[in-house]
Amino acid sequence: MKIDLTDTTSARINAGLIDARRASGTPAVGMVLTLVIVTDEGSAYDALKSAHEASTEHPSRILAVIKRPGRSPRERAGARLDAEVVVGDEAGTGETVVLRMHGELANHAESVVLPLLLPDAPVVCWWPDQAPRKAGTDPLGSLAQRRITDASSAEDPVGSLVMRAEGYTPGDTDLAWTRLTPWRSMLAAALDQKHSTITAAAVEGEAYNASTELLALWLADRLGIEVERKVSDGPGITGVRLVTTDGDICLDRSDGRLAELSVPGQPDRHVALKRRETAELIAEELRRLDPDDIYRATVQFGVDHLVTANGSAKGGKDPDSGPTAAAGATASAAKKAAPGGKAATPK
C-alpha cells in the first residue's frame, strides 16, 4: 500500500503509517531498527532497493531523506515536506517513508526524522554517496548508533579514507571496509594453516578502489610489515601475496567471482570470492551495532602511511594529490609498526 502526502508534517506521516498498517492487515510493529538513508534523487532508487532486500534479514522502518533546497532564492526561502508512505510487499518486510524536503527545511532534516524514529529501537544512518566530513557530528548522524558511509562512491577514494580517519566517531563504518570481510577471513584462515614469519606483502587492485587501500593498510597494521600497493585492471581487488620464510601465500581473483588460494606445501584450491551486492553489505553491517575497533585502527593507521609512488606522504593535505595518487600508493609500516624496525610475526 502506498500513500502520497504533499505539504505535510511528521504527525500526519505517523498517522499515515498507522492507517497503512491497518489497511494492510498488519497493525503490529515488528521492526527491529530504523534505517535512515540520506541520498539524492539520482541514488534513491538503488539505495531503497538495497535496503528493502536487506530488510528480509532485518525488518526495519526505512526513512529515505532526499534534500531539495531549490535553485531560485524563492525556493530556497520556502519550506515544504512531501512524503510517500509505503507498507506491504513494496517496502520489503518493514515499512518505508520517502521524505522530500524542499527549501530551508532541507537544512533541518533531523527535526523531521526525529518524530518518525521507532521508539526504543536502534538507529542506523547510511549515506550511499556523498557523506558529511564528520558523520558522528552531523545532525542526522548524531541520532544514530551506527553510521555507514561508502568511500568507493567518492571522487577521491583515498582522500575520503583520510576524512573518515580524521572524523572518526565510535559507531562509524564504511562499505569499502565491509567488502573486505571475505578477503580478511580467507587470509586469516590461510595464516592459521601456515605458521611462518611474514616478511612482506603486496595487494593488487584497481587504482580507484578504496577497499584495496584498506586491505593493504589492514595487513600493514596487523602484521607490522611493508605492504606494496600494485595496480591492476580489476575488477576490484585482484590479488594478495604474502611473502613468508617458507614461500609465498597467494590469493588471486581475476574475474571477481572465483579465487585461487596457494599455500606452500599444500595443493592449490579454488574458493568462492564473488563481489557482493550492496544489499548484502548493508545486511552484514546491520548484524552488529557496536563500534568496529579493527576498522578504526585500520583507517587511522592509513593517515600517515599512504604514500605516493615517489615516496611523499599522501595524508590528504596536498591539494595537488588527487585520485591518481592511489595508483602508486604504498602502505609502508615496517619500521614504525614493528619493534626495532624489524618485520613482525602475525598478530
Protein backbone atom coordinates (compact mmCIF):
# COMPACT_ATOMS: atom_id res chain seq x y z
CA MET A 1 0.00 0.00 0.00
CA LYS A 2 1.26 3.47 -0.87
CA ILE A 3 0.09 6.84 0.48
CA ASP A 4 1.23 10.16 -1.02
CA LEU A 5 1.33 13.15 1.32
CA THR A 6 2.02 16.63 -0.08
CA ASP A 7 2.98 19.63 2.07
CA THR A 8 2.68 17.50 5.17
CA THR A 9 4.10 17.17 8.68
CA SER A 10 5.72 14.43 10.76
CA ALA A 11 2.48 13.97 12.73
CA ARG A 12 0.50 13.32 9.54
CA ILE A 13 3.16 10.88 8.35
CA ASN A 14 2.90 8.92 11.60
CA ALA A 15 -0.87 8.84 11.21
CA GLY A 16 -0.42 7.66 7.60
CA LEU A 17 1.82 4.81 8.78
CA ILE A 18 -0.84 3.66 11.24
CA ASP A 19 -3.56 3.83 8.58
CA ALA A 20 -1.40 1.94 6.08
CA ARG A 21 -0.65 -0.84 8.58
CA ARG A 22 -4.33 -1.23 9.44
CA ALA A 23 -5.34 -1.27 5.78
CA SER A 24 -2.76 -3.94 5.01
CA GLY A 25 -3.87 -6.08 7.95
CA THR A 26 -0.66 -5.76 9.98
CA PRO A 27 -1.35 -3.31 12.84
CA ALA A 28 1.54 -4.62 14.96
CA VAL A 29 5.01 -3.15 14.60
CA GLY A 30 7.59 -5.94 14.20
CA MET A 31 10.62 -3.89 13.14
CA VAL A 32 13.95 -4.08 14.95
CA LEU A 33 15.57 -0.79 13.92
CA THR A 34 15.24 2.45 11.96
CA LEU A 35 17.42 2.82 8.88
CA VAL A 36 17.85 6.45 7.77
CA ILE A 37 19.11 6.81 4.19
CA VAL A 38 20.45 10.25 3.25
CA THR A 39 20.67 10.48 -0.52
CA ASP A 40 19.58 12.39 -3.61
CA GLU A 41 17.03 11.66 -6.32
CA GLY A 42 19.63 10.03 -8.57
CA SER A 43 20.69 7.43 -5.99
CA ALA A 44 17.40 6.99 -4.12
CA TYR A 45 16.04 4.11 -6.20
CA ASP A 46 19.13 1.90 -5.91
CA ALA A 47 19.56 2.69 -2.21
CA LEU A 48 15.94 1.85 -1.41
CA LYS A 49 16.10 -1.34 -3.44
CA SER A 50 19.15 -2.48 -1.47
CA ALA A 51 17.55 -1.51 1.84
CA HIS A 52 14.37 -3.43 1.00
CA GLU A 53 16.39 -6.54 0.17
CA ALA A 54 18.36 -6.21 3.42
CA SER A 55 15.10 -5.85 5.36
CA THR A 56 14.31 -9.53 4.75
CA GLU A 57 17.04 -10.20 7.32
CA HIS A 58 16.50 -7.05 9.41
CA PRO A 59 12.86 -5.83 9.36
CA SER A 60 13.12 -2.09 9.74
CA ARG A 61 11.48 1.26 9.24
CA ILE A 62 13.30 2.87 6.34
CA LEU A 63 13.38 6.67 6.19
CA ALA A 64 14.79 7.99 2.92
CA VAL A 65 15.82 11.63 3.30
CA ILE A 66 16.02 13.45 -0.03
CA LYS A 67 17.04 17.09 0.26
CA ARG A 68 15.85 19.51 -2.41
CA PRO A 69 16.92 23.00 -1.28
CA GLY A 70 15.85 24.58 -4.57
CA ARG A 71 17.60 26.61 -7.23
CA SER A 72 15.97 30.02 -7.01
CA PRO A 73 16.02 32.35 -3.97
CA ARG A 74 12.26 31.93 -3.56
CA GLU A 75 12.53 28.12 -3.49
CA ARG A 76 15.39 28.25 -1.01
CA ALA A 77 13.45 30.61 1.28
CA GLY A 78 10.39 28.35 1.38
CA ALA A 79 9.88 25.12 3.30
CA ARG A 80 7.78 22.11 2.30
CA LEU A 81 7.73 18.44 3.17
CA ASP A 82 6.40 15.82 0.74
CA ALA A 83 6.26 12.17 1.74
CA GLU A 84 5.49 8.74 0.36
CA VAL A 85 4.41 6.10 2.87
CA VAL A 86 4.85 2.54 1.64
CA VAL A 87 3.73 -0.54 3.57
CA GLY A 88 3.46 -4.10 2.27
CA ASP A 89 5.34 -6.01 -0.39
CA GLU A 90 6.80 -2.86 -1.97
CA ALA A 91 8.50 -1.99 1.34
CA GLY A 92 10.14 -5.35 1.95
CA THR A 93 9.39 -6.78 5.38
CA GLY A 94 9.11 -3.40 7.08
CA GLU A 95 7.78 -0.01 6.11
CA THR A 96 9.25 2.84 4.09
CA VAL A 97 8.83 6.60 4.20
CA VAL A 98 10.39 8.71 1.46
CA LEU A 99 10.86 12.27 2.70
CA ARG A 100 11.43 15.04 0.18
CA MET A 101 12.46 18.21 1.97
CA HIS A 102 12.20 21.43 -0.01
CA GLY A 103 13.76 24.82 0.65
CA GLU A 104 15.03 25.75 4.11
CA LEU A 105 13.64 22.52 5.58
CA ALA A 106 16.47 20.62 3.86
CA ASN A 107 18.86 22.21 6.37
CA HIS A 108 16.89 20.85 9.31
CA ALA A 109 16.22 17.27 8.29
CA GLU A 110 16.75 15.99 11.84
CA SER A 111 13.63 17.85 13.04
CA VAL A 112 11.52 15.82 10.61
CA VAL A 113 13.26 12.49 11.15
CA LEU A 114 13.30 12.51 14.96
CA PRO A 115 9.50 12.09 15.46
CA LEU A 116 9.49 9.23 12.93
CA LEU A 117 12.08 7.02 14.65
CA LEU A 118 10.88 3.76 16.12
CA PRO A 119 10.71 4.06 19.93
CA ASP A 120 13.30 2.11 21.92
CA ALA A 121 14.97 0.79 18.76
CA PRO A 122 18.48 1.42 17.43
CA VAL A 123 19.03 3.88 14.60
CA VAL A 124 21.40 3.37 11.67
CA CYS A 125 22.25 6.21 9.27
CA TRP A 126 23.54 5.41 5.77
CA TRP A 127 24.96 7.79 3.16
CA PRO A 128 25.13 5.83 -0.17
CA ASP A 129 27.07 8.58 -1.96
CA GLN A 130 28.22 11.92 -0.55
CA ALA A 131 28.73 11.72 3.21
CA PRO A 132 29.47 14.57 5.64
CA ARG A 133 33.07 15.15 6.62
CA LYS A 134 32.34 14.06 10.20
CA ALA A 135 29.40 11.68 10.22
CA GLY A 136 29.29 11.48 14.02
CA THR A 137 28.67 15.20 14.47
CA ASP A 138 26.22 15.52 11.57
CA PRO A 139 22.70 16.39 12.83
CA LEU A 140 21.30 13.16 11.37
CA GLY A 141 24.36 11.09 12.21
CA SER A 142 24.18 12.14 15.85
CA LEU A 143 20.79 10.39 16.10
CA ALA A 144 22.30 7.04 15.10
CA GLN A 145 24.21 4.33 16.94
CA ARG A 146 25.75 3.20 13.66
CA ARG A 147 26.80 5.37 10.70
CA ILE A 148 27.58 3.83 7.31
CA THR A 149 29.46 5.64 4.54
CA ASP A 150 30.98 4.45 1.26
CA ALA A 151 34.40 5.79 0.29
CA SER A 152 34.18 3.94 -3.04
CA SER A 153 31.49 6.35 -4.24
CA ALA A 154 33.68 9.42 -3.62
CA GLU A 155 35.56 11.17 -6.40
CA ASP A 156 38.79 10.72 -4.43
CA PRO A 157 38.54 7.40 -2.54
CA VAL A 158 41.90 7.77 -0.77
CA GLY A 159 41.07 11.32 0.29
CA SER A 160 37.73 10.06 1.57
CA LEU A 161 39.51 7.48 3.73
CA VAL A 162 41.62 10.29 5.19
CA MET A 163 38.44 12.20 6.08
CA ARG A 164 36.93 9.07 7.65
CA ALA A 165 40.04 8.71 9.81
CA GLU A 166 40.14 12.34 10.90
CA GLY A 167 36.42 12.48 11.67
CA TYR A 168 36.03 9.01 13.18
CA THR A 169 33.42 8.57 15.92
CA PRO A 170 32.70 5.20 17.60
CA GLY A 171 29.97 3.58 15.50
CA ASP A 172 31.33 4.76 12.15
CA THR A 173 32.00 2.24 9.40
CA ASP A 174 32.38 2.18 5.63
CA LEU A 175 31.15 -0.21 2.95
CA ALA A 176 34.66 -0.22 1.44
CA TRP A 177 35.66 -1.99 4.67
CA THR A 178 32.64 -4.31 4.63
CA ARG A 179 33.62 -5.54 1.17
CA LEU A 180 36.85 -6.88 2.69
CA THR A 181 35.21 -9.37 5.07
CA PRO A 182 35.63 -12.42 2.77
CA TRP A 183 39.21 -11.41 1.93
CA ARG A 184 40.18 -10.92 5.57
CA SER A 185 38.54 -14.20 6.57
CA MET A 186 40.31 -16.11 3.81
CA LEU A 187 43.72 -14.62 4.57
CA ALA A 188 43.33 -15.20 8.32
CA ALA A 189 42.40 -18.84 7.67
CA ALA A 190 45.44 -19.27 5.41
CA LEU A 191 47.74 -17.88 8.10
CA ASP A 192 46.19 -20.22 10.67
CA GLN A 193 47.23 -23.15 8.46
CA LYS A 194 50.76 -21.86 7.82
CA HIS A 195 52.59 -20.51 10.88
CA SER A 196 55.50 -18.86 9.10
CA THR A 197 57.14 -15.49 9.61
CA ILE A 198 55.79 -12.96 7.12
CA THR A 199 58.38 -10.56 5.79
CA ALA A 200 56.48 -8.56 3.15
CA ALA A 201 53.19 -8.40 1.28
CA ALA A 202 51.59 -6.95 -1.85
CA VAL A 203 47.96 -6.08 -2.59
CA GLU A 204 46.80 -5.70 -6.19
CA GLY A 205 43.63 -3.96 -7.33
CA GLU A 206 42.08 -1.12 -9.29
CA ALA A 207 43.61 2.31 -8.93
CA TYR A 208 40.43 3.97 -7.66
CA ASN A 209 39.36 1.15 -5.33
CA ALA A 210 39.13 2.20 -1.67
CA SER A 211 38.83 -1.41 -0.49
CA THR A 212 42.25 -2.21 -1.97
CA GLU A 213 43.80 0.61 0.05
CA LEU A 214 42.10 -0.56 3.24
CA LEU A 215 43.21 -4.15 2.75
CA ALA A 216 46.83 -3.02 2.34
CA LEU A 217 46.56 -0.88 5.46
CA TRP A 218 44.96 -3.70 7.46
CA LEU A 219 47.82 -6.06 6.60
CA ALA A 220 50.44 -3.42 7.37
CA ASP A 221 48.82 -2.56 10.69
CA ARG A 222 48.18 -6.12 11.89
CA LEU A 223 51.40 -7.71 10.65
CA GLY A 224 53.83 -4.85 11.08
CA ILE A 225 55.34 -5.32 7.62
CA GLU A 226 55.76 -3.36 4.42
CA VAL A 227 52.81 -3.80 2.09
CA GLU A 228 53.18 -2.82 -1.56
CA ARG A 229 50.15 -1.43 -3.38
CA LYS A 230 50.00 -2.60 -7.00
CA VAL A 231 47.57 -1.54 -9.71
CA SER A 232 45.58 -3.90 -11.93
CA ASP A 233 42.64 -3.62 -14.32
CA GLY A 234 40.27 -5.14 -11.74
CA PRO A 235 37.52 -5.79 -11.11
CA GLY A 236 38.07 -4.59 -7.54
CA ILE A 237 40.80 -6.40 -5.62
CA THR A 238 42.54 -8.96 -7.82
CA GLY A 239 45.23 -10.47 -5.61
CA VAL A 240 47.17 -10.60 -2.35
CA ARG A 241 50.65 -12.03 -1.92
CA LEU A 242 52.22 -12.69 1.49
CA VAL A 243 55.96 -13.37 1.43
CA THR A 244 56.93 -15.87 4.14
CA THR A 245 60.12 -17.71 5.08
CA ASP A 246 58.58 -20.92 3.67
CA GLY A 247 57.29 -19.45 0.39
CA ASP A 248 54.56 -17.14 -0.86
CA ILE A 249 50.91 -17.35 0.17
CA CYS A 250 48.84 -16.11 -2.78
CA LEU A 251 45.15 -15.34 -3.09
CA ASP A 252 44.35 -14.37 -6.70
CA ARG A 253 40.95 -13.39 -8.09
CA SER A 254 40.93 -12.20 -11.70
CA ASP A 255 37.25 -12.47 -12.59
CA GLY A 256 35.53 -11.05 -9.49
CA ARG A 257 33.91 -14.40 -8.66
CA LEU A 258 36.36 -17.27 -8.12
CA ALA A 259 39.76 -17.03 -6.41
CA GLU A 260 42.73 -19.38 -6.27
CA LEU A 261 44.50 -19.88 -2.94
CA SER A 262 48.11 -21.07 -2.94
CA VAL A 263 49.79 -22.06 0.33
CA PRO A 264 53.32 -23.53 0.45
CA GLY A 265 53.26 -27.29 0.97
CA GLN A 266 49.56 -27.60 0.05
CA PRO A 267 47.76 -28.11 -3.26
CA ASP A 268 46.24 -25.02 -4.88
CA ARG A 269 42.48 -24.78 -4.45
CA HIS A 270 39.66 -22.61 -5.74
CA VAL A 271 37.47 -20.66 -3.31
CA ALA A 272 34.29 -18.65 -3.87
CA LEU A 273 35.08 -14.94 -3.50
CA LYS A 274 32.46 -13.09 -5.50
CA ARG A 275 31.89 -9.37 -5.40
CA ARG A 276 28.83 -8.78 -3.25
CA GLU A 277 25.83 -6.55 -3.91
CA THR A 278 25.09 -3.51 -1.76
CA ALA A 279 22.13 -5.26 -0.11
CA GLU A 280 24.42 -7.98 1.23
CA LEU A 281 26.85 -5.38 2.57
CA ILE A 282 24.10 -3.43 4.35
CA ALA A 283 22.68 -6.65 5.82
CA GLU A 284 26.11 -7.52 7.20
CA GLU A 285 26.56 -4.10 8.80
CA LEU A 286 23.13 -4.27 10.45
CA ARG A 287 24.09 -7.50 12.24
CA ARG A 288 26.28 -5.60 14.67
CA LEU A 289 25.75 -2.14 16.07
CA ASP A 290 28.78 -1.93 18.37
CA PRO A 291 31.91 0.06 17.40
CA ASP A 292 34.26 -1.69 14.97
CA ASP A 293 37.67 -1.22 16.60
CA ILE A 294 39.57 -3.02 13.82
CA TYR A 295 38.11 -0.65 11.21
CA ARG A 296 39.07 2.32 13.39
CA ALA A 297 42.65 1.08 13.79
CA THR A 298 42.97 0.37 10.08
CA VAL A 299 41.62 3.63 8.71
CA GLN A 300 43.52 5.74 11.25
CA PHE A 301 46.72 3.80 10.60
CA GLY A 302 46.48 4.87 6.97
CA VAL A 303 46.61 8.61 7.57
CA ASP A 304 50.38 8.56 7.99
CA HIS A 305 51.28 5.52 5.92
CA LEU A 306 49.70 6.05 2.50
CA VAL A 307 52.41 7.47 0.24
CA THR A 308 52.63 8.25 -3.44
CA ALA A 309 54.87 6.46 -5.93
CA ASN A 310 57.73 8.88 -5.25
CA GLY A 311 57.54 8.25 -1.52
CA SER A 312 55.84 11.50 -0.46
CA ALA A 313 53.08 11.33 2.15
CA LYS A 314 49.53 11.11 0.78
CA GLY A 315 47.81 12.26 4.03
CA GLY A 316 45.07 14.14 2.13
CA LYS A 317 46.59 17.57 2.85
CA ASP A 318 48.22 18.21 -0.54
CA PRO A 319 45.69 19.78 -2.93
CA ASP A 320 47.67 18.53 -5.92
CA SER A 321 47.44 14.88 -4.85
CA GLY A 322 44.25 13.61 -6.45
CA PRO A 323 42.79 10.17 -7.07
CA THR A 324 45.72 9.23 -9.30
CA ALA A 325 47.93 9.03 -6.22
CA ALA A 326 46.21 5.76 -5.41
CA ALA A 327 47.81 4.19 -8.46
CA GLY A 328 51.18 4.13 -6.73
CA ALA A 329 50.09 4.12 -3.12
CA THR A 330 52.20 2.04 -0.75
CA ALA A 331 51.47 1.23 2.87
CA SER A 332 54.93 1.32 4.43
CA ALA A 333 54.98 0.33 8.08
CA ALA A 334 57.97 -1.95 8.65
CA LYS A 335 59.94 0.47 10.79
CA LYS A 336 57.03 2.18 12.50
CA ALA A 337 54.74 -0.74 13.25
CA ALA A 338 57.33 -3.40 14.14
CA PRO A 339 59.54 -3.15 17.24
CA GLY A 340 63.08 -2.13 16.38
CA GLY A 341 62.21 -1.72 12.71
CA LYS A 342 62.13 -5.49 12.09
CA ALA A 343 59.38 -7.47 10.45
CA ALA A 344 56.96 -8.85 12.99
CA THR A 345 55.15 -12.15 13.08
CA PRO A 346 51.34 -12.14 12.52
CA LYS A 347 49.21 -10.86 15.36
